[in-house]
Protein backbone atom coordinates (compact mmCIF):
# COMPACT_ATOMS: atom_id res chain seq x y z
CA MET A 1 -6.95 18.84 33.81
CA LYS A 2 -10.81 20.83 32.94
CA LYS A 3 -13.65 18.35 32.20
CA SER A 4 -15.47 18.74 29.19
CA ARG A 5 -19.32 19.22 29.47
CA PHE A 6 -19.75 16.43 27.12
CA SER A 7 -19.13 12.87 27.22
CA GLU A 8 -18.13 10.78 24.93
CA GLU A 9 -20.60 9.28 22.97
CA GLN A 10 -22.83 13.27 22.43
CA ILE A 11 -19.66 13.92 20.32
CA ILE A 12 -19.47 11.37 18.48
CA GLY A 13 -23.20 12.41 17.99
CA VAL A 14 -22.42 15.68 17.11
CA LEU A 15 -19.62 14.45 14.77
CA LYS A 16 -22.28 12.43 13.24
CA GLU A 17 -24.26 15.95 12.61
CA GLN A 18 -21.75 16.65 10.47
CA GLN A 19 -21.41 13.73 8.66
CA ALA A 20 -24.75 14.04 7.68
CA ARG A 21 -23.76 17.27 5.24
CA LEU A 22 -24.80 19.90 8.16
CA PRO A 23 -22.38 22.91 7.75
CA VAL A 24 -19.82 22.82 10.60
CA ALA A 25 -20.80 26.82 11.66
CA GLU A 26 -24.45 25.66 12.50
CA ILE A 27 -23.73 22.41 14.22
CA CYS A 28 -21.71 24.59 16.31
CA ARG A 29 -23.74 27.74 16.93
CA ARG A 30 -26.77 24.56 18.17
CA HIS A 31 -23.71 23.03 20.44
CA SER A 32 -22.76 26.17 21.68
CA ILE A 33 -19.01 25.27 21.48
CA SER A 34 -16.33 26.83 18.96
CA ASP A 35 -14.82 25.30 15.43
CA ALA A 36 -11.64 24.69 16.92
CA THR A 37 -13.21 22.56 19.60
CA PHE A 38 -15.53 20.72 16.80
CA TYR A 39 -12.56 19.95 15.23
CA THR A 40 -10.08 19.01 17.84
CA TRP A 41 -13.29 16.58 18.55
CA ARG A 42 -12.97 15.43 14.47
CA SER A 43 -9.11 14.79 14.44
CA ARG A 44 -9.57 12.89 17.80
CA PHE A 45 -13.56 10.28 17.36
CA GLY A 46 -13.45 10.96 13.42
CA GLY A 47 -15.47 8.31 11.90
CA MET A 48 -15.55 6.23 15.63
CA GLU A 49 -19.02 4.99 16.84
CA VAL A 50 -20.48 5.26 20.20
CA SER A 51 -18.58 1.35 20.93
CA ASP A 52 -15.53 2.64 19.52
CA ALA A 53 -15.45 5.20 22.79
CA PRO A 54 -12.51 5.15 24.69
CA PRO A 55 -13.69 2.90 28.07
CA GLY A 56 -15.32 4.61 31.06
CA GLY A 57 -14.64 7.82 29.54
CA ALA A 58 -11.17 8.30 29.55
CA ARG A 59 -9.66 10.93 27.74
CA ARG A 60 -5.84 11.12 26.57
CA GLY A 61 -3.40 11.38 29.15
CA GLU A 62 -5.66 9.77 31.81
CA PRO A 63 -4.42 5.40 32.81
CA GLN A 64 -6.32 3.57 30.49
CA ALA A 65 -6.69 -0.38 30.86
CA GLN A 66 -3.84 -2.35 29.82
CA GLU A 67 -3.50 -4.24 26.40
CA ALA A 68 -1.64 -5.25 24.73
CA PRO A 69 -0.77 -3.19 20.78
CA GLY A 70 -2.75 -3.38 18.84
CA GLN A 71 -5.45 -5.12 20.74
CA GLY A 72 -8.80 -2.70 20.65
CA GLU A 73 -7.87 -1.53 17.97
CA ALA A 74 -10.95 0.58 16.70
CA ARG A 75 -10.61 0.60 13.05
CA PRO A 76 -7.63 -1.47 11.24
CA GLY A 77 -5.65 0.66 9.40
CA HIS A 78 -4.68 2.68 13.47
CA ALA A 79 -2.41 0.68 15.61
CA ALA A 80 -0.38 3.87 16.64
CA ARG A 81 -3.06 4.66 18.53
CA GLY A 82 -3.34 2.08 20.84
CA VAL A 83 0.00 3.25 21.91
CA GLU A 84 -0.11 5.34 24.90
CA LYS A 85 3.83 6.48 24.88
CA ARG A 86 4.00 8.84 22.37
CA LEU A 87 7.17 8.46 19.71
CA LEU A 88 9.64 11.07 19.89
CA THR A 89 13.09 9.29 19.40
CA THR A 90 13.39 7.82 15.68
CA CYS A 91 14.13 4.61 17.26
CA ALA A 92 11.05 4.48 18.75
CA ARG A 93 9.61 4.90 15.78
CA ARG A 94 11.94 2.50 13.56
CA THR A 95 10.34 -0.04 16.06
CA ALA A 96 6.91 0.50 16.06
CA VAL A 97 7.42 0.34 12.21
CA SER A 98 8.82 -2.53 12.56
CA TRP A 99 6.18 -4.05 15.24
CA ALA A 100 3.45 -3.17 12.50
CA ILE A 101 4.79 -4.54 9.76
CA GLU A 102 5.85 -8.51 11.01
CA GLN A 103 3.13 -8.88 14.18
CA LYS A 104 -0.14 -6.78 11.71
CA GLY A 105 1.09 -7.48 8.18
CA TYR A 106 1.15 -3.84 7.05
CA SER A 107 3.08 -2.65 4.32
CA GLN A 108 6.23 -1.15 4.64
CA CYS A 109 4.68 1.91 3.43
CA ARG A 110 1.99 2.29 5.39
CA ALA A 111 3.28 1.54 8.80
CA CYS A 112 5.74 4.41 8.30
CA ARG A 113 2.29 6.07 6.97
CA LEU A 114 0.88 5.69 10.24
CA ILE A 115 4.21 5.98 12.61
CA GLY A 116 4.66 9.12 10.67
CA LEU A 117 7.95 8.18 9.67
CA GLU A 118 9.19 8.89 6.33
CA SER A 119 10.12 5.47 4.50
CA GLU A 120 13.42 6.58 3.29
CA THR A 121 14.41 7.41 7.16
CA TYR A 122 13.14 3.83 8.07
CA ARG A 123 15.55 1.62 5.72
CA TYR A 124 18.32 4.52 6.48
CA ALA A 125 21.63 2.68 8.07
CA SER A 126 24.21 4.54 9.39
CA THR A 127 27.98 4.66 8.44
CA ARG A 128 28.89 6.01 11.80
CA GLY A 129 32.03 4.38 13.11
CA GLU A 130 32.13 2.39 17.01
CA ASP A 131 32.91 5.12 19.40
CA ALA A 132 33.16 2.10 22.25
CA ALA A 133 36.58 3.28 22.68
CA VAL A 134 35.75 6.94 23.03
CA ARG A 135 32.95 6.22 25.43
CA LEU A 136 35.19 4.57 27.69
CA ARG A 137 37.52 7.05 28.26
CA LEU A 138 34.99 9.45 28.56
CA ARG A 139 32.93 7.73 31.56
CA ASN A 140 36.47 7.12 33.12
CA LEU A 141 37.60 11.15 32.66
CA ALA A 142 33.79 11.89 34.51
CA SER A 143 33.85 9.24 37.51
CA GLU A 144 37.69 10.97 37.77
CA ARG A 145 36.59 14.45 37.59
CA ARG A 146 32.88 14.68 38.76
CA ARG A 147 32.55 18.06 38.03
CA PHE A 148 33.94 18.39 34.91
CA GLY A 149 31.53 19.31 31.91
CA TYR A 150 31.89 18.03 28.24
CA ARG A 151 33.82 21.19 27.04
CA ARG A 152 36.72 20.68 29.17
CA LEU A 153 36.89 17.07 29.06
CA LEU A 154 36.96 16.99 25.23
CA ILE A 155 40.21 19.70 25.88
CA LEU A 156 41.34 16.79 28.12
CA LEU A 157 40.69 13.81 26.02
CA ARG A 158 42.24 15.90 23.31
CA ARG A 159 45.84 16.36 25.19
CA GLU A 160 45.65 12.51 25.76
CA GLY A 161 45.64 12.59 21.35
CA LEU A 162 41.96 11.88 20.77
CA THR A 163 40.53 14.15 17.86
CA LEU A 164 37.01 14.82 19.07
CA LYS A 165 34.32 17.70 17.45
CA HIS A 166 32.26 19.69 20.03
CA LYS A 167 29.08 18.10 18.97
CA LYS A 168 30.16 14.95 18.79
CA LEU A 169 31.06 15.05 22.52
CA PHE A 170 28.46 16.36 23.80
CA ARG A 171 26.10 13.58 21.71
CA LEU A 172 28.32 11.22 23.49
CA ASP A 173 28.10 12.50 26.90
CA ARG A 174 24.35 13.50 26.78
CA GLU A 175 23.69 9.33 25.84
CA GLU A 176 26.16 8.12 28.65
CA ARG A 177 24.18 10.56 31.19
CA LEU A 178 27.11 11.95 32.61
CA SER A 179 26.58 15.52 32.76
CA VAL A 180 25.95 16.79 36.02
CA ARG A 181 23.60 19.44 36.87
């Protein structure tokens, strides 16, 4: 990764100039940066003080000192920024929202907004039935026929009398990590 020619302190100083009502174009011209760089800095460091900058000049993607989620926060509304791992799955986001509600005392609406999850999605209760029997039979068939993909396993399951759609079997196959390269 290319090392920036500006330190975190310098970046925060540039952002402070914009807070002093100077036009962005003038700031960019003065510091020889593009406006895209300025707005990237503003989204990453906006509202921070020099003392709030990441320790040791660590940037996104570089390892930081281990600390419990929520400790060392610059601002109270940014609990999600302390998490190093990106929350990609809905399950992980629900867990993070639950943590913010229970540990930090945030309201459900605020916690969902912080994590980037819709409140309706957080409250959603699945009506999907249990697939334990299908999963077990699928694992047994996959261990017997190691080279078969999910489509061929679907044919074998249908011969045994299980009615399954191919999309559901694909999801189960992927969740059980049965696919062979």
